[in-house]
């Protein structure tokens, strides 16, 4: 699950972010779910409240790569 806060001057789609990550990070780091949020919940010391994000789970606002017919395939060492 990836929670993304968009900058004011950009409007990337979840699919664009997914496709950007496929070629740049290992398969296990590409999120299946992406959700745009206005801001990340923070503690008084500005740390991100990860437990609060995990507790949200998948909602109607969450983009699902598999529901879009996209999947990341694992590569084995020596392939390619």
C-alpha atoms as a PDB file:
ATOM      1  CA  UNK A   1       0.000   0.000   0.000  1.00  0.00           C
ATOM      2  CA  UNK A   2       1.319   3.429  -0.919  1.00  0.00           C
ATOM      3  CA  UNK A   3      -0.192   6.630   0.399  1.00  0.00           C
ATOM      4  CA  UNK A   4       0.752   9.573  -1.795  1.00  0.00           C
ATOM      5  CA  UNK A   5       0.428  13.295  -1.181  1.00  0.00           C
ATOM      6  CA  UNK A   6       0.420  15.113  -4.517  1.00  0.00           C
ATOM      7  CA  UNK A   7       2.303  18.366  -4.930  1.00  0.00           C
ATOM      8  CA  UNK A   8       0.117  21.293  -5.931  1.00  0.00           C
ATOM      9  CA  UNK A   9       1.704  21.505  -9.387  1.00  0.00           C
ATOM     10  CA  UNK A  10       1.352  17.805 -10.332  1.00  0.00           C
ATOM     11  CA  UNK A  11      -1.538  15.424 -10.981  1.00  0.00           C
ATOM     12  CA  UNK A  12      -0.034  11.969 -11.589  1.00  0.00           C
ATOM     13  CA  UNK A  13      -2.454   9.075 -11.766  1.00  0.00           C
ATOM     14  CA  UNK A  14      -2.014   5.902  -9.744  1.00  0.00           C
ATOM     15  CA  UNK A  15      -1.357   4.000 -12.960  1.00  0.00           C
ATOM     16  CA  UNK A  16       1.400   6.442 -13.978  1.00  0.00           C
ATOM     17  CA  UNK A  17       3.086   6.019 -10.607  1.00  0.00           C
ATOM     18  CA  UNK A  18       2.777   2.223 -10.821  1.00  0.00           C
ATOM     19  CA  UNK A  19       4.294   2.154 -14.320  1.00  0.00           C
ATOM     20  CA  UNK A  20       7.087   4.522 -13.251  1.00  0.00           C
ATOM     21  CA  UNK A  21       8.051   2.232 -10.366  1.00  0.00           C
ATOM     22  CA  UNK A  22       8.000  -1.046 -12.332  1.00  0.00           C
ATOM     23  CA  UNK A  23      11.289  -0.279 -14.123  1.00  0.00           C
ATOM     24  CA  UNK A  24      12.985   1.432 -11.187  1.00  0.00           C
ATOM     25  CA  UNK A  25      12.520  -0.642  -8.043  1.00  0.00           C
ATOM     26  CA  UNK A  26      12.528  -4.371  -7.244  1.00  0.00           C
ATOM     27  CA  UNK A  27       9.224  -6.156  -7.851  1.00  0.00           C
ATOM     28  CA  UNK A  28       8.531  -6.548  -4.136  1.00  0.00           C
ATOM     29  CA  UNK A  29       8.674  -2.766  -3.625  1.00  0.00           C
ATOM     30  CA  UNK A  30       6.026  -1.905  -6.228  1.00  0.00           C
ATOM     31  CA  UNK A  31       2.771  -1.314  -4.334  1.00  0.00           C
ATOM     32  CA  UNK A  32      -0.336  -3.206  -5.350  1.00  0.00           C
ATOM     33  CA  UNK A  33      -2.543  -0.505  -3.816  1.00  0.00           C
ATOM     34  CA  UNK A  34      -2.156   3.263  -4.196  1.00  0.00           C
ATOM     35  CA  UNK A  35      -4.219   5.916  -2.487  1.00  0.00           C
ATOM     36  CA  UNK A  36      -3.907   9.689  -2.742  1.00  0.00           C
ATOM     37  CA  UNK A  37      -4.341  11.561   0.524  1.00  0.00           C
ATOM     38  CA  UNK A  38      -4.340  15.306   1.264  1.00  0.00           C
ATOM     39  CA  UNK A  39      -1.705  14.834   3.978  1.00  0.00           C
ATOM     40  CA  UNK A  40      -0.038  12.117   6.017  1.00  0.00           C
ATOM     41  CA  UNK A  41      -1.029  11.802   9.678  1.00  0.00           C
ATOM     42  CA  UNK A  42       1.823  12.953  11.905  1.00  0.00           C
ATOM     43  CA  UNK A  43       2.772  12.924  15.564  1.00  0.00           C
ATOM     44  CA  UNK A  44       3.557  16.150  17.449  1.00  0.00           C
ATOM     45  CA  UNK A  45       7.237  15.513  16.600  1.00  0.00           C
ATOM     46  CA  UNK A  46       6.400  15.262  12.863  1.00  0.00           C
ATOM     47  CA  UNK A  47       6.896  11.498  12.536  1.00  0.00           C
ATOM     48  CA  UNK A  48       4.443   9.731  10.235  1.00  0.00           C
ATOM     49  CA  UNK A  49       1.808   7.699  12.082  1.00  0.00           C
ATOM     50  CA  UNK A  50       2.309   4.438  10.204  1.00  0.00           C
ATOM     51  CA  UNK A  51      -0.070   2.450  12.412  1.00  0.00           C
ATOM     52  CA  UNK A  52      -2.862   4.881  11.585  1.00  0.00           C
ATOM     53  CA  UNK A  53      -2.212   4.428   7.866  1.00  0.00           C
ATOM     54  CA  UNK A  54      -2.122   0.630   8.208  1.00  0.00           C
ATOM     55  CA  UNK A  55      -5.420   0.742  10.081  1.00  0.00           C
ATOM     56  CA  UNK A  56      -7.184   2.410   7.156  1.00  0.00           C
ATOM     57  CA  UNK A  57      -6.865  -0.627   4.930  1.00  0.00           C
ATOM     58  CA  UNK A  58      -8.254  -0.730   1.409  1.00  0.00           C
ATOM     59  CA  UNK A  59     -11.157   1.640   0.735  1.00  0.00           C
ATOM     60  CA  UNK A  60     -13.232   2.672  -2.280  1.00  0.00           C
ATOM     61  CA  UNK A  61     -10.678   5.438  -2.906  1.00  0.00           C
ATOM     62  CA  UNK A  62      -7.818   2.925  -3.147  1.00  0.00           C
ATOM     63  CA  UNK A  63      -6.488   2.065  -6.608  1.00  0.00           C
ATOM     64  CA  UNK A  64      -5.772  -1.664  -7.092  1.00  0.00           C
ATOM     65  CA  UNK A  65      -3.275  -2.654  -9.786  1.00  0.00           C
ATOM     66  CA  UNK A  66      -4.679  -6.186 -10.069  1.00  0.00           C
ATOM     67  CA  UNK A  67      -8.208  -4.859 -10.559  1.00  0.00           C
ATOM     68  CA  UNK A  68      -6.744  -2.854 -13.467  1.00  0.00           C
ATOM     69  CA  UNK A  69      -5.237  -6.028 -14.917  1.00  0.00           C
ATOM     70  CA  UNK A  70      -1.668  -5.048 -14.033  1.00  0.00           C
ATOM     71  CA  UNK A  71       0.742  -7.285 -12.191  1.00  0.00           C
ATOM     72  CA  UNK A  72       4.407  -7.221 -11.319  1.00  0.00           C
ATOM     73  CA  UNK A  73       6.282 -10.354 -12.190  1.00  0.00           C
ATOM     74  CA  UNK A  74       9.143 -11.504 -10.002  1.00  0.00           C
ATOM     75  CA  UNK A  75      12.454 -11.959 -11.774  1.00  0.00           C
ATOM     76  CA  UNK A  76      14.858 -14.713 -10.878  1.00  0.00           C
ATOM     77  CA  UNK A  77      18.597 -14.207 -10.692  1.00  0.00           C
ATOM     78  CA  UNK A  78      20.051 -15.095 -14.054  1.00  0.00           C
ATOM     79  CA  UNK A  79      16.924 -14.153 -16.041  1.00  0.00           C
ATOM     80  CA  UNK A  80      17.161 -11.437 -18.542  1.00  0.00           C
END
